[in-house]
Amino acid sequence: WEVATGKEVCSLKGHSNWVLSVALSPDGKTLASASRDNTVKLWVLSGETLVEKGTLKGHSNEVTSVAFSSDGKTLASGSIDKTVKLWDLSGETPV
């Protein structure tokens, strides 16, 4: 949303179920979204739009939260499967 006008800037579509949490990286260039489809999606800023970079799979149930580390190199995801996963984002492909 554009704060000044209240208008939608863009809508990101890619998850197959509800999105439960989103987090913006410290540098403002990557968005992470957590979903009831058991995945985390990463979106990167390309020009003035966000495009899907990839999908993080590993949880066996709904992912309810995501948070970036202060340096943006690690993403934490929490799930109803009773696990917290740490994803290394420092390389080209998250692990």
PDB file of N, CA and C in Angstrom:
ATOM      1  N   TRP A   1       0.841  -1.183   0.000  1.00  0.00           N
ATOM      2  CA  TRP A   1       0.000   0.000   0.000  1.00  0.00           C
ATOM      3  C   TRP A   1       0.878   1.236   0.000  1.00  0.00           C
ATOM      4  N   GLU A   2       0.460   2.208  -0.772  1.00  0.00           N
ATOM      5  CA  GLU A   2       1.132   3.499  -0.734  1.00  0.00           C
ATOM      6  C   GLU A   2       0.496   4.281   0.405  1.00  0.00           C
ATOM      7  N   VAL A   3       1.300   4.615   1.384  1.00  0.00           N
ATOM      8  CA  VAL A   3       0.787   5.240   2.602  1.00  0.00           C
ATOM      9  C   VAL A   3       0.075   6.562   2.313  1.00  0.00           C
ATOM     10  N   ALA A   4       0.654   7.385   1.481  1.00  0.00           N
ATOM     11  CA  ALA A   4       0.095   8.710   1.225  1.00  0.00           C
ATOM     12  C   ALA A   4      -1.285   8.671   0.581  1.00  0.00           C
ATOM     13  N   THR A   5      -1.494   7.695  -0.331  1.00  0.00           N
ATOM     14  CA  THR A   5      -2.758   7.644  -1.075  1.00  0.00           C
ATOM     15  C   THR A   5      -3.689   6.515  -0.634  1.00  0.00           C
ATOM     16  N   GLY A   6      -3.127   5.513   0.059  1.00  0.00           N
ATOM     17  CA  GLY A   6      -3.942   4.364   0.447  1.00  0.00           C
ATOM     18  C   GLY A   6      -4.203   3.405  -0.705  1.00  0.00           C
ATOM     19  N   LYS A   7      -3.468   3.575  -1.812  1.00  0.00           N
ATOM     20  CA  LYS A   7      -3.661   2.718  -2.978  1.00  0.00           C
ATOM     21  C   LYS A   7      -2.736   1.509  -2.928  1.00  0.00           C
ATOM     22  N   GLU A   8      -3.227   0.386  -3.449  1.00  0.00           N
ATOM     23  CA  GLU A   8      -2.429  -0.832  -3.535  1.00  0.00           C
ATOM     24  C   GLU A   8      -1.292  -0.632  -4.532  1.00  0.00           C
ATOM     25  N   VAL A   9      -0.095  -1.013  -4.133  1.00  0.00           N
ATOM     26  CA  VAL A   9       1.068  -0.891  -5.003  1.00  0.00           C
ATOM     27  C   VAL A   9       1.203  -2.127  -5.876  1.00  0.00           C
ATOM     28  N   CYS A  10       1.095  -3.314  -5.269  1.00  0.00           N
ATOM     29  CA  CYS A  10       1.133  -4.562  -6.027  1.00  0.00           C
ATOM     30  C   CYS A  10       0.537  -5.677  -5.182  1.00  0.00           C
ATOM     31  N   SER A  11       0.177  -6.759  -5.849  1.00  0.00           N
ATOM     32  CA  SER A  11      -0.372  -7.938  -5.190  1.00  0.00           C
ATOM     33  C   SER A  11       0.483  -9.126  -5.609  1.00  0.00           C
ATOM     34  N   LEU A  12       1.004  -9.861  -4.639  1.00  0.00           N
ATOM     35  CA  LEU A  12       1.878 -10.990  -4.936  1.00  0.00           C
ATOM     36  C   LEU A  12       1.077 -12.283  -4.875  1.00  0.00           C
ATOM     37  N   LYS A  13       1.113 -13.040  -5.959  1.00  0.00           N
ATOM     38  CA  LYS A  13       0.372 -14.296  -6.020  1.00  0.00           C
ATOM     39  C   LYS A  13       1.348 -15.431  -6.286  1.00  0.00           C
ATOM     40  N   GLY A  14       1.216 -16.503  -5.523  1.00  0.00           N
ATOM     41  CA  GLY A  14       2.119 -17.634  -5.692  1.00  0.00           C
ATOM     42  C   GLY A  14       1.826 -18.760  -4.724  1.00  0.00           C
ATOM     43  N   HIS A  15       1.333 -18.417  -3.538  1.00  0.00           N
ATOM     44  CA  HIS A  15       0.986 -19.446  -2.561  1.00  0.00           C
ATOM     45  C   HIS A  15      -0.337 -20.110  -2.944  1.00  0.00           C
ATOM     46  N   SER A  16      -0.486 -21.375  -2.550  1.00  0.00           N
ATOM     47  CA  SER A  16      -1.721 -22.100  -2.845  1.00  0.00           C
ATOM     48  C   SER A  16      -2.691 -22.094  -1.662  1.00  0.00           C
ATOM     49  N   ASN A  17      -2.351 -21.380  -0.600  1.00  0.00           N
ATOM     50  CA  ASN A  17      -3.222 -21.273   0.565  1.00  0.00           C
ATOM     51  C   ASN A  17      -2.952 -19.923   1.219  1.00  0.00           C
ATOM     52  N   TRP A  18      -3.625 -19.640   2.326  1.00  0.00           N
ATOM     53  CA  TRP A  18      -3.531 -18.350   2.999  1.00  0.00           C
ATOM     54  C   TRP A  18      -2.095 -17.985   3.345  1.00  0.00           C
ATOM     55  N   VAL A  19      -1.800 -16.715   3.268  1.00  0.00           N
ATOM     56  CA  VAL A  19      -0.528 -16.181   3.750  1.00  0.00           C
ATOM     57  C   VAL A  19      -0.749 -15.722   5.188  1.00  0.00           C
ATOM     58  N   LEU A  20       0.101 -16.197   6.081  1.00  0.00           N
ATOM     59  CA  LEU A  20      -0.076 -15.923   7.504  1.00  0.00           C
ATOM     60  C   LEU A  20       0.905 -14.886   8.058  1.00  0.00           C
ATOM     61  N   SER A  21       2.018 -14.677   7.358  1.00  0.00           N
ATOM     62  CA  SER A  21       3.021 -13.747   7.862  1.00  0.00           C
ATOM     63  C   SER A  21       3.888 -13.251   6.710  1.00  0.00           C
ATOM     64  N   VAL A  22       4.353 -12.023   6.810  1.00  0.00           N
ATOM     65  CA  VAL A  22       5.319 -11.475   5.855  1.00  0.00           C
ATOM     66  C   VAL A  22       6.382 -10.709   6.629  1.00  0.00           C
ATOM     67  N   ALA A  23       7.585 -10.633   6.046  1.00  0.00           N
ATOM     68  CA  ALA A  23       8.678  -9.866   6.652  1.00  0.00           C
ATOM     69  C   ALA A  23       9.507  -9.262   5.534  1.00  0.00           C
ATOM     70  N   LEU A  24       9.963  -8.055   5.762  1.00  0.00           N
ATOM     71  CA  LEU A  24      10.803  -7.346   4.810  1.00  0.00           C
ATOM     72  C   LEU A  24      12.243  -7.370   5.313  1.00  0.00           C
ATOM     73  N   SER A  25      13.178  -7.687   4.422  1.00  0.00           N
ATOM     74  CA  SER A  25      14.590  -7.743   4.808  1.00  0.00           C
ATOM     75  C   SER A  25      15.083  -6.359   5.225  1.00  0.00           C
ATOM     76  N   PRO A  26      16.150  -6.309   6.024  1.00  0.00           N
ATOM     77  CA  PRO A  26      16.667  -5.025   6.495  1.00  0.00           C
ATOM     78  C   PRO A  26      17.039  -4.055   5.376  1.00  0.00           C
ATOM     79  N   ASP A  27      17.479  -4.575   4.220  1.00  0.00           N
ATOM     80  CA  ASP A  27      17.847  -3.674   3.123  1.00  0.00           C
ATOM     81  C   ASP A  27      16.641  -3.284   2.265  1.00  0.00           C
ATOM     82  N   GLY A  28      15.470  -3.830   2.586  1.00  0.00           N
ATOM     83  CA  GLY A  28      14.244  -3.480   1.871  1.00  0.00           C
ATOM     84  C   GLY A  28      14.124  -4.070   0.487  1.00  0.00           C
ATOM     85  N   LYS A  29      14.972  -5.038   0.142  1.00  0.00           N
ATOM     86  CA  LYS A  29      14.973  -5.598  -1.209  1.00  0.00           C
ATOM     87  C   LYS A  29      14.348  -6.984  -1.324  1.00  0.00           C
ATOM     88  N   THR A  30      14.111  -7.651  -0.192  1.00  0.00           N
ATOM     89  CA  THR A  30      13.548  -9.003  -0.210  1.00  0.00           C
ATOM     90  C   THR A  30      12.376  -9.083   0.759  1.00  0.00           C
ATOM     91  N   LEU A  31      11.314  -9.713   0.304  1.00  0.00           N
ATOM     92  CA  LEU A  31      10.146  -9.963   1.137  1.00  0.00           C
ATOM     93  C   LEU A  31      10.004 -11.468   1.290  1.00  0.00           C
ATOM     94  N   ALA A  32       9.727 -11.931   2.489  1.00  0.00           N
ATOM     95  CA  ALA A  32       9.458 -13.344   2.745  1.00  0.00           C
ATOM     96  C   ALA A  32       7.997 -13.474   3.148  1.00  0.00           C
ATOM     97  N   SER A  33       7.329 -14.499   2.626  1.00  0.00           N
ATOM     98  CA  SER A  33       5.935 -14.747   3.004  1.00  0.00           C
ATOM     99  C   SER A  33       5.783 -16.187   3.474  1.00  0.00           C
ATOM    100  N   ALA A  34       5.030 -16.360   4.568  1.00  0.00           N
ATOM    101  CA  ALA A  34       4.786 -17.674   5.165  1.00  0.00           C
ATOM    102  C   ALA A  34       3.329 -18.052   4.928  1.00  0.00           C
ATOM    103  N   SER A  35       3.093 -19.333   4.628  1.00  0.00           N
ATOM    104  CA  SER A  35       1.748 -19.721   4.220  1.00  0.00           C
ATOM    105  C   SER A  35       1.269 -21.030   4.833  1.00  0.00           C
ATOM    106  N   ARG A  36      -0.053 -21.187   4.756  1.00  0.00           N
ATOM    107  CA  ARG A  36      -0.683 -22.446   5.166  1.00  0.00           C
ATOM    108  C   ARG A  36      -0.377 -23.574   4.176  1.00  0.00           C
ATOM    109  N   ASP A  37       0.287 -23.261   3.055  1.00  0.00           N
ATOM    110  CA  ASP A  37       0.666 -24.313   2.110  1.00  0.00           C
ATOM    111  C   ASP A  37       2.000 -24.972   2.481  1.00  0.00           C
ATOM    112  N   ASN A  38       2.483 -24.699   3.710  1.00  0.00           N
ATOM    113  CA  ASN A  38       3.697 -25.302   4.284  1.00  0.00           C
ATOM    114  C   ASN A  38       4.994 -24.744   3.698  1.00  0.00           C
ATOM    115  N   THR A  39       4.923 -23.619   3.003  1.00  0.00           N
ATOM    116  CA  THR A  39       6.116 -23.078   2.363  1.00  0.00           C
ATOM    117  C   THR A  39       6.368 -21.627   2.764  1.00  0.00           C
ATOM    118  N   VAL A  40       7.592 -21.202   2.479  1.00  0.00           N
ATOM    119  CA  VAL A  40       7.986 -19.802   2.568  1.00  0.00           C
ATOM    120  C   VAL A  40       8.394 -19.390   1.162  1.00  0.00           C
ATOM    121  N   LYS A  41       7.901 -18.268   0.712  1.00  0.00           N
ATOM    122  CA  LYS A  41       8.311 -17.760  -0.596  1.00  0.00           C
ATOM    123  C   LYS A  41       9.154 -16.513  -0.398  1.00  0.00           C
ATOM    124  N   LEU A  42      10.158 -16.369  -1.258  1.00  0.00           N
ATOM    125  CA  LEU A  42      11.005 -15.188  -1.258  1.00  0.00           C
ATOM    126  C   LEU A  42      10.697 -14.381  -2.507  1.00  0.00           C
ATOM    127  N   TRP A  43      10.556 -13.084  -2.314  1.00  0.00           N
ATOM    128  CA  TRP A  43      10.252 -12.146  -3.399  1.00  0.00           C
ATOM    129  C   TRP A  43      11.332 -11.097  -3.394  1.00  0.00           C
ATOM    130  N   VAL A  44      11.877 -10.751  -4.565  1.00  0.00           N
ATOM    131  CA  VAL A  44      12.942  -9.754  -4.636  1.00  0.00           C
ATOM    132  C   VAL A  44      12.503  -8.560  -5.464  1.00  0.00           C
ATOM    133  N   LEU A  45      13.037  -7.417  -5.093  1.00  0.00           N
ATOM    134  CA  LEU A  45      12.734  -6.181  -5.800  1.00  0.00           C
ATOM    135  C   LEU A  45      13.450  -6.180  -7.142  1.00  0.00           C
ATOM    136  N   SER A  46      12.683  -6.023  -8.209  1.00  0.00           N
ATOM    137  CA  SER A  46      13.231  -5.932  -9.557  1.00  0.00           C
ATOM    138  C   SER A  46      12.644  -4.675 -10.189  1.00  0.00           C
ATOM    139  N   GLY A  47      13.451  -3.636 -10.260  1.00  0.00           N
ATOM    140  CA  GLY A  47      12.918  -2.345 -10.692  1.00  0.00           C
ATOM    141  C   GLY A  47      12.002  -1.817  -9.610  1.00  0.00           C
ATOM    142  N   GLU A  48      10.733  -1.634  -9.947  1.00  0.00           N
ATOM    143  CA  GLU A  48       9.765  -1.148  -8.958  1.00  0.00           C
ATOM    144  C   GLU A  48       8.751  -2.218  -8.575  1.00  0.00           C
ATOM    145  N   THR A  49       8.997  -3.474  -8.981  1.00  0.00           N
ATOM    146  CA  THR A  49       8.073  -4.553  -8.648  1.00  0.00           C
ATOM    147  C   THR A  49       8.801  -5.676  -7.924  1.00  0.00           C
ATOM    148  N   LEU A  50       8.042  -6.499  -7.224  1.00  0.00           N
ATOM    149  CA  LEU A  50       8.598  -7.675  -6.561  1.00  0.00           C
ATOM    150  C   LEU A  50       8.309  -8.904  -7.417  1.00  0.00           C
ATOM    151  N   VAL A  51       9.326  -9.741  -7.621  1.00  0.00           N
ATOM    152  CA  VAL A  51       9.161 -10.975  -8.378  1.00  0.00           C
ATOM    153  C   VAL A  51       9.568 -12.152  -7.499  1.00  0.00           C
ATOM    154  N   GLU A  52       8.940 -13.298  -7.724  1.00  0.00           N
ATOM    155  CA  GLU A  52       9.231 -14.469  -6.914  1.00  0.00           C
ATOM    156  C   GLU A  52      10.634 -14.987  -7.210  1.00  0.00           C
ATOM    157  N   LYS A  53      11.422 -15.154  -6.152  1.00  0.00           N
ATOM    158  CA  LYS A  53      12.794 -15.654  -6.289  1.00  0.00           C
ATOM    159  C   LYS A  53      12.852 -17.157  -6.072  1.00  0.00           C
ATOM    160  N   GLY A  54      12.016 -17.657  -5.163  1.00  0.00           N
ATOM    161  CA  GLY A  54      12.066 -19.085  -4.873  1.00  0.00           C
ATOM    162  C   GLY A  54      11.152 -19.469  -3.742  1.00  0.00           C
ATOM    163  N   THR A  55      11.045 -20.781  -3.542  1.00  0.00           N
ATOM    164  CA  THR A  55      10.198 -21.344  -2.502  1.00  0.00           C
ATOM    165  C   THR A  55      11.048 -22.188  -1.570  1.00  0.00           C
ATOM    166  N   LEU A  56      10.917 -21.938  -0.273  1.00  0.00           N
ATOM    167  CA  LEU A  56      11.621 -22.714   0.742  1.00  0.00           C
ATOM    168  C   LEU A  56      10.678 -23.781   1.267  1.00  0.00           C
ATOM    169  N   LYS A  57      11.071 -25.043   1.078  1.00  0.00           N
ATOM    170  CA  LYS A  57      10.246 -26.170   1.522  1.00  0.00           C
ATOM    171  C   LYS A  57      11.004 -26.931   2.593  1.00  0.00           C
ATOM    172  N   GLY A  58      10.302 -27.423   3.573  1.00  0.00           N
ATOM    173  CA  GLY A  58      10.945 -28.164   4.643  1.00  0.00           C
ATOM    174  C   GLY A  58      10.030 -28.365   5.839  1.00  0.00           C
ATOM    175  N   HIS A  59       9.029 -27.510   5.976  1.00  0.00           N
ATOM    176  CA  HIS A  59       8.058 -27.680   7.049  1.00  0.00           C
ATOM    177  C   HIS A  59       7.001 -28.696   6.636  1.00  0.00           C
ATOM    178  N   SER A  60       6.507 -29.435   7.611  1.00  0.00           N
ATOM    179  CA  SER A  60       5.483 -30.444   7.324  1.00  0.00           C
ATOM    180  C   SER A  60       4.075 -29.959   7.661  1.00  0.00           C
ATOM    181  N   ASN A  61       3.956 -28.692   8.057  1.00  0.00           N
ATOM    182  CA  ASN A  61       2.652 -28.113   8.359  1.00  0.00           C
ATOM    183  C   ASN A  61       2.734 -26.610   8.097  1.00  0.00           C
ATOM    184  N   GLU A  62       1.641 -25.921   8.360  1.00  0.00           N
ATOM    185  CA  GLU A  62       1.547 -24.490   8.087  1.00  0.00           C
ATOM    186  C   GLU A  62       2.720 -23.703   8.659  1.00  0.00           C
ATOM    187  N   VAL A  63       3.233 -22.767   7.874  1.00  0.00           N
ATOM    188  CA  VAL A  63       4.283 -21.864   8.342  1.00  0.00           C
ATOM    189  C   VAL A  63       3.583 -20.592   8.817  1.00  0.00           C
ATOM    190  N   THR A  64       3.764 -20.281  10.083  1.00  0.00           N
ATOM    191  CA  THR A  64       2.994 -19.191  10.697  1.00  0.00           C
ATOM    192  C   THR A  64       3.768 -17.891  10.866  1.00  0.00           C
ATOM    193  N   SER A  65       5.102 -17.953  10.759  1.00  0.00           N
ATOM    194  CA  SER A  65       5.863 -16.727  10.962  1.00  0.00           C
ATOM    195  C   SER A  65       7.201 -16.773  10.241  1.00  0.00           C
ATOM    196  N   VAL A  66       7.670 -15.583   9.868  1.00  0.00           N
ATOM    197  CA  VAL A  66       8.994 -15.433   9.256  1.00  0.00           C
ATOM    198  C   VAL A  66       9.641 -14.171   9.813  1.00  0.00           C
ATOM    199  N   ALA A  67      10.973 -14.209   9.933  1.00  0.00           N
ATOM    200  CA  ALA A  67      11.715 -13.037  10.409  1.00  0.00           C
ATOM    201  C   ALA A  67      13.139 -13.093   9.866  1.00  0.00           C
ATOM    202  N   PHE A  68      13.640 -11.940   9.425  1.00  0.00           N
ATOM    203  CA  PHE A  68      15.010 -11.829   8.938  1.00  0.00           C
ATOM    204  C   PHE A  68      15.943 -11.489  10.092  1.00  0.00           C
ATOM    205  N   SER A  69      17.184 -11.965  10.008  1.00  0.00           N
ATOM    206  CA  SER A  69      18.220 -11.535  10.942  1.00  0.00           C
ATOM    207  C   SER A  69      18.577 -10.086  10.620  1.00  0.00           C
ATOM    208  N   SER A  70      19.259  -9.429  11.527  1.00  0.00           N
ATOM    209  CA  SER A  70      19.570  -8.009  11.339  1.00  0.00           C
ATOM    210  C   SER A  70      20.475  -7.747  10.136  1.00  0.00           C
ATOM    211  N   ASP A  71      21.269  -8.747   9.729  1.00  0.00           N
ATOM    212  CA  ASP A  71      22.123  -8.569   8.552  1.00  0.00           C
ATOM    213  C   ASP A  71      21.459  -9.074   7.271  1.00  0.00           C
ATOM    214  N   GLY A  72      20.262  -9.666   7.386  1.00  0.00           N
ATOM    215  CA  GLY A  72      19.517 -10.137   6.224  1.00  0.00           C
ATOM    216  C   GLY A  72      20.022 -11.423   5.613  1.00  0.00           C
ATOM    217  N   LYS A  73      21.008 -12.056   6.233  1.00  0.00           N
ATOM    218  CA  LYS A  73      21.600 -13.271   5.663  1.00  0.00           C
ATOM    219  C   LYS A  73      20.926 -14.556   6.130  1.00  0.00           C
ATOM    220  N   THR A  74      20.098 -14.449   7.154  1.00  0.00           N
ATOM    221  CA  THR A  74      19.396 -15.619   7.676  1.00  0.00           C
ATOM    222  C   THR A  74      17.918 -15.296   7.824  1.00  0.00           C
ATOM    223  N   LEU A  75      17.085 -16.266   7.459  1.00  0.00           N
ATOM    224  CA  LEU A  75      15.638 -16.133   7.642  1.00  0.00           C
ATOM    225  C   LEU A  75      15.193 -17.231   8.588  1.00  0.00           C
ATOM    226  N   ALA A  76      14.416 -16.879   9.584  1.00  0.00           N
ATOM    227  CA  ALA A  76      13.842 -17.862  10.498  1.00  0.00           C
ATOM    228  C   ALA A  76      12.377 -18.045  10.130  1.00  0.00           C
ATOM    229  N   SER A  77      11.920 -19.303  10.133  1.00  0.00           N
ATOM    230  CA  SER A  77      10.503 -19.587   9.889  1.00  0.00           C
ATOM    231  C   SER A  77       9.995 -20.508  10.985  1.00  0.00           C
ATOM    232  N   GLY A  78       8.798 -20.206  11.473  1.00  0.00           N
ATOM    233  CA  GLY A  78       8.171 -21.009  12.514  1.00  0.00           C
ATOM    234  C   GLY A  78       6.917 -21.660  11.982  1.00  0.00           C
ATOM    235  N   SER A  79       6.647 -22.880  12.446  1.00  0.00           N
ATOM    236  CA  SER A  79       5.544 -23.654  11.888  1.00  0.00           C
ATOM    237  C   SER A  79       4.730 -24.361  12.955  1.00  0.00           C
ATOM    238  N   ILE A  80       3.519 -24.708  12.567  1.00  0.00           N
ATOM    239  CA  ILE A  80       2.651 -25.525  13.424  1.00  0.00           C
ATOM    240  C   ILE A  80       3.239 -26.922  13.608  1.00  0.00           C
ATOM    241  N   ASP A  81       4.210 -27.310  12.768  1.00  0.00           N
ATOM    242  CA  ASP A  81       4.847 -28.627  12.929  1.00  0.00           C
ATOM    243  C   ASP A  81       5.817 -28.648  14.116  1.00  0.00           C
ATOM    244  N   LYS A  82       5.802 -27.571  14.913  1.00  0.00           N
ATOM    245  CA  LYS A  82       6.587 -27.441  16.146  1.00  0.00           C
ATOM    246  C   LYS A  82       8.078 -27.261  15.889  1.00  0.00           C
ATOM    247  N   THR A  83       8.428 -26.712  14.704  1.00  0.00           N
ATOM    248  CA  THR A  83       9.834 -26.474  14.416  1.00  0.00           C
ATOM    249  C   THR A  83      10.053 -25.021  14.024  1.00  0.00           C
ATOM    250  N   VAL A  84      11.277 -24.583  14.256  1.00  0.00           N
ATOM    251  CA  VAL A  84      11.768 -23.314  13.728  1.00  0.00           C
ATOM    252  C   VAL A  84      12.922 -23.684  12.812  1.00  0.00           C
ATOM    253  N   LYS A  85      12.894 -23.197  11.601  1.00  0.00           N
ATOM    254  CA  LYS A  85      13.966 -23.481  10.651  1.00  0.00           C
ATOM    255  C   LYS A  85      14.717 -22.187  10.361  1.00  0.00           C
ATOM    256  N   LEU A  86      16.039 -22.313  10.238  1.00  0.00           N
ATOM    257  CA  LEU A  86      16.892 -21.192   9.876  1.00  0.00           C
ATOM    258  C   LEU A  86      17.397 -21.436   8.462  1.00  0.00           C
ATOM    259  N   TRP A  87      17.180 -20.459   7.596  1.00  0.00           N
ATOM    260  CA  TRP A  87      17.549 -20.564   6.188  1.00  0.00           C
ATOM    261  C   TRP A  87      18.699 -19.613   5.903  1.00  0.00           C
ATOM    262  N   ASP A  88      19.774 -20.139   5.305  1.00  0.00           N
ATOM    263  CA  ASP A  88      20.935 -19.333   4.939  1.00  0.00           C
ATOM    264  C   ASP A  88      20.647 -18.659   3.605  1.00  0.00           C
ATOM    265  N   LEU A  89      20.518 -17.341   3.605  1.00  0.00           N
ATOM    266  CA  LEU A  89      20.205 -16.585   2.396  1.00  0.00           C
ATOM    267  C   LEU A  89      21.438 -15.910   1.801  1.00  0.00           C
ATOM    268  N   SER A  90      22.616 -16.205   2.334  1.00  0.00           N
ATOM    269  CA  SER A  90      23.811 -15.494   1.893  1.00  0.00           C
ATOM    270  C   SER A  90      24.292 -15.917   0.507  1.00  0.00           C
ATOM    271  N   GLY A  91      23.899 -17.103   0.053  1.00  0.00           N
ATOM    272  CA  GLY A  91      24.294 -17.568  -1.279  1.00  0.00           C
ATOM    273  C   GLY A  91      23.238 -17.283  -2.305  1.00  0.00           C
ATOM    274  N   GLU A  92      23.472 -17.768  -3.511  1.00  0.00           N
ATOM    275  CA  GLU A  92      22.514 -17.581  -4.614  1.00  0.00           C
ATOM    276  C   GLU A  92      21.239 -18.378  -4.361  1.00  0.00           C
ATOM    277  N   THR A  93      21.386 -19.588  -3.799  1.00  0.00           N
ATOM    278  CA  THR A  93      20.237 -20.448  -3.533  1.00  0.00           C
ATOM    279  C   THR A  93      20.102 -20.632  -2.023  1.00  0.00           C
ATOM    280  N   PRO A  94      18.944 -20.291  -1.447  1.00  0.00           N
ATOM    281  CA  PRO A  94      18.766 -20.449   0.003  1.00  0.00           C
ATOM    282  C   PRO A  94      18.820 -21.913   0.446  1.00  0.00           C
ATOM    283  N   VAL A  95      19.458 -22.172   1.574  1.00  0.00           N
ATOM    284  CA  VAL A  95      19.505 -23.516   2.166  1.00  0.00           C
ATOM    285  C   VAL A  95      19.193 -23.451   3.637  1.00  0.00           C
TER     286      VAL A  95
END
